Amino acid sequence: MKQKYNPSLPPKTCTIDKLVTIPADVEKVLMGRKTATRRNGRYADIGEIMELNNKKYRIDNVYKQTLGELSDEDAQREGYKSLEAYKESILSMHPGMPWLPKMEVWVHEFSELEE
């Protein structure tokens, strides 16, 4: 079970406005096909609001996960058809980066706020 709130989260390493920046990813969020993003650092707190093209999204959950724990379902929340498609995309963005199953990433799950 993924943890909803952890008061011992470390300080953020970046700001929420840098959480989703790649135009194709922004488009996936706006179309409702991307509801999570993974980063090497923690970019947001639970409950924080992210704004993309005048739409607001609430951060619902933040937790650590290893690359080896990722499933097809996780990749689909990232806006990809499969884990393999997600992996190929990530590795193409980071040339020379190995896909290490034990490498930890921060998962940021979010949902659109209705106005």
Protein backbone atom coordinates (compact mmCIF):
# COMPACT_ATOMS: atom_id res chain seq x y z
CA MET A 1 0.00 0.00 0.00
CA LYS A 2 1.37 3.39 -0.96
CA GLN A 3 1.66 5.84 1.89
CA LYS A 4 -0.58 8.93 1.70
CA TYR A 5 1.21 11.17 4.19
CA ASN A 6 4.65 11.00 5.68
CA PRO A 7 5.56 13.80 8.09
CA SER A 8 9.22 12.80 7.83
CA LEU A 9 9.55 13.67 4.13
CA PRO A 10 12.88 15.40 3.51
CA PRO A 11 12.99 18.99 2.29
CA LYS A 12 12.08 19.60 -1.34
CA THR A 13 15.01 19.65 -3.76
CA CYS A 14 13.24 21.75 -6.39
CA THR A 15 10.02 23.73 -6.85
CA ILE A 16 6.63 22.53 -8.04
CA ASP A 17 6.77 24.73 -11.15
CA LYS A 18 9.58 22.47 -12.44
CA LEU A 19 7.62 19.24 -11.84
CA VAL A 20 6.10 18.89 -15.33
CA THR A 21 7.89 20.98 -17.96
CA ILE A 22 8.34 18.91 -21.13
CA PRO A 23 5.67 20.12 -23.59
CA ALA A 24 4.55 16.56 -24.49
CA ASP A 25 4.13 15.77 -20.78
CA VAL A 26 2.22 19.00 -20.14
CA GLU A 27 -0.13 18.02 -22.97
CA LYS A 28 -0.63 14.55 -21.44
CA VAL A 29 -1.54 16.14 -18.09
CA LEU A 30 -3.97 18.58 -19.73
CA MET A 31 -5.65 15.69 -21.58
CA GLY A 32 -5.93 13.62 -18.38
CA ARG A 33 -3.56 10.91 -19.60
CA LYS A 34 -0.77 11.69 -17.10
CA THR A 35 -1.54 11.70 -13.37
CA ALA A 36 1.92 11.01 -11.95
CA THR A 37 5.51 11.98 -12.56
CA ARG A 38 8.78 10.63 -11.23
CA ARG A 39 11.83 12.73 -10.42
CA ASN A 40 15.22 12.19 -8.81
CA GLY A 41 14.28 14.73 -6.16
CA ARG A 42 11.19 15.85 -4.28
CA TYR A 43 9.50 18.76 -6.08
CA ALA A 44 6.22 19.11 -4.19
CA ASP A 45 4.42 18.59 -0.92
CA ILE A 46 1.14 16.71 -0.58
CA GLY A 47 -1.66 19.24 -1.00
CA GLU A 48 0.46 21.71 -2.96
CA ILE A 49 -1.07 23.11 -6.17
CA MET A 50 0.56 22.88 -9.61
CA GLU A 51 -0.72 25.12 -12.39
CA LEU A 52 -0.43 24.23 -16.10
CA ASN A 53 -2.08 26.41 -18.78
CA ASN A 54 -4.43 27.95 -16.19
CA LYS A 55 -5.58 24.53 -14.94
CA LYS A 56 -4.83 23.58 -11.35
CA TYR A 57 -3.70 20.18 -10.09
CA ARG A 58 -3.40 19.10 -6.46
CA ILE A 59 -0.51 16.89 -5.37
CA ASP A 60 -2.28 13.89 -3.85
CA ASN A 61 0.68 11.75 -2.85
CA VAL A 62 4.49 11.86 -2.75
CA TYR A 63 6.58 8.77 -2.04
CA LYS A 64 9.78 6.95 -3.00
CA GLN A 65 9.85 4.00 -5.38
CA THR A 66 12.65 2.02 -7.01
CA LEU A 67 12.81 1.67 -10.78
CA GLY A 68 12.54 -2.08 -10.26
CA GLU A 69 9.14 -1.62 -8.57
CA LEU A 70 7.58 0.16 -11.57
CA SER A 71 4.69 -1.62 -13.25
CA ASP A 72 2.81 -1.15 -16.52
CA GLU A 73 0.09 0.54 -14.42
CA ASP A 74 2.66 3.05 -13.09
CA ALA A 75 3.84 3.75 -16.66
CA GLN A 76 0.24 4.30 -17.75
CA ARG A 77 -0.21 6.91 -14.97
CA GLU A 78 2.90 8.55 -16.49
CA GLY A 79 1.09 8.69 -19.83
CA TYR A 80 2.76 5.72 -21.56
CA LYS A 81 1.24 2.52 -22.95
CA SER A 82 3.68 0.24 -21.15
CA LEU A 83 6.63 0.14 -18.78
CA GLU A 84 8.90 -0.57 -21.75
CA ALA A 85 7.69 2.56 -23.58
CA TYR A 86 8.24 4.64 -20.42
CA LYS A 87 11.72 3.19 -19.92
CA GLU A 88 12.69 3.92 -23.56
CA SER A 89 11.48 7.52 -23.21
CA ILE A 90 13.37 8.14 -19.96
CA LEU A 91 16.60 6.64 -21.30
CA SER A 92 16.34 8.71 -24.50
CA MET A 93 16.05 11.90 -22.38
CA HIS A 94 19.08 10.95 -20.28
CA PRO A 95 21.76 9.58 -22.65
CA GLY A 96 24.15 7.20 -20.92
CA MET A 97 21.95 6.77 -17.87
CA PRO A 98 21.58 3.12 -16.92
CA TRP A 99 18.20 1.75 -15.81
CA LEU A 100 19.10 0.50 -12.34
CA PRO A 101 16.32 -1.48 -10.61
CA LYS A 102 17.54 -0.32 -7.16
CA MET A 103 17.63 3.38 -8.12
CA GLU A 104 15.10 5.37 -6.09
CA VAL A 105 12.90 8.08 -7.55
CA TRP A 106 10.26 10.35 -6.05
CA VAL A 107 6.73 9.73 -7.28
CA HIS A 108 4.39 12.73 -7.39
CA GLU A 109 0.72 11.80 -7.97
CA PHE A 110 -1.75 14.55 -8.81
CA SER A 111 -5.34 15.21 -9.85
CA GLU A 112 -7.09 18.14 -11.51
CA LEU A 113 -8.92 20.57 -9.27
CA GLU A 114 -12.40 21.42 -10.49
CA GLU A 115 -13.01 25.17 -10.58
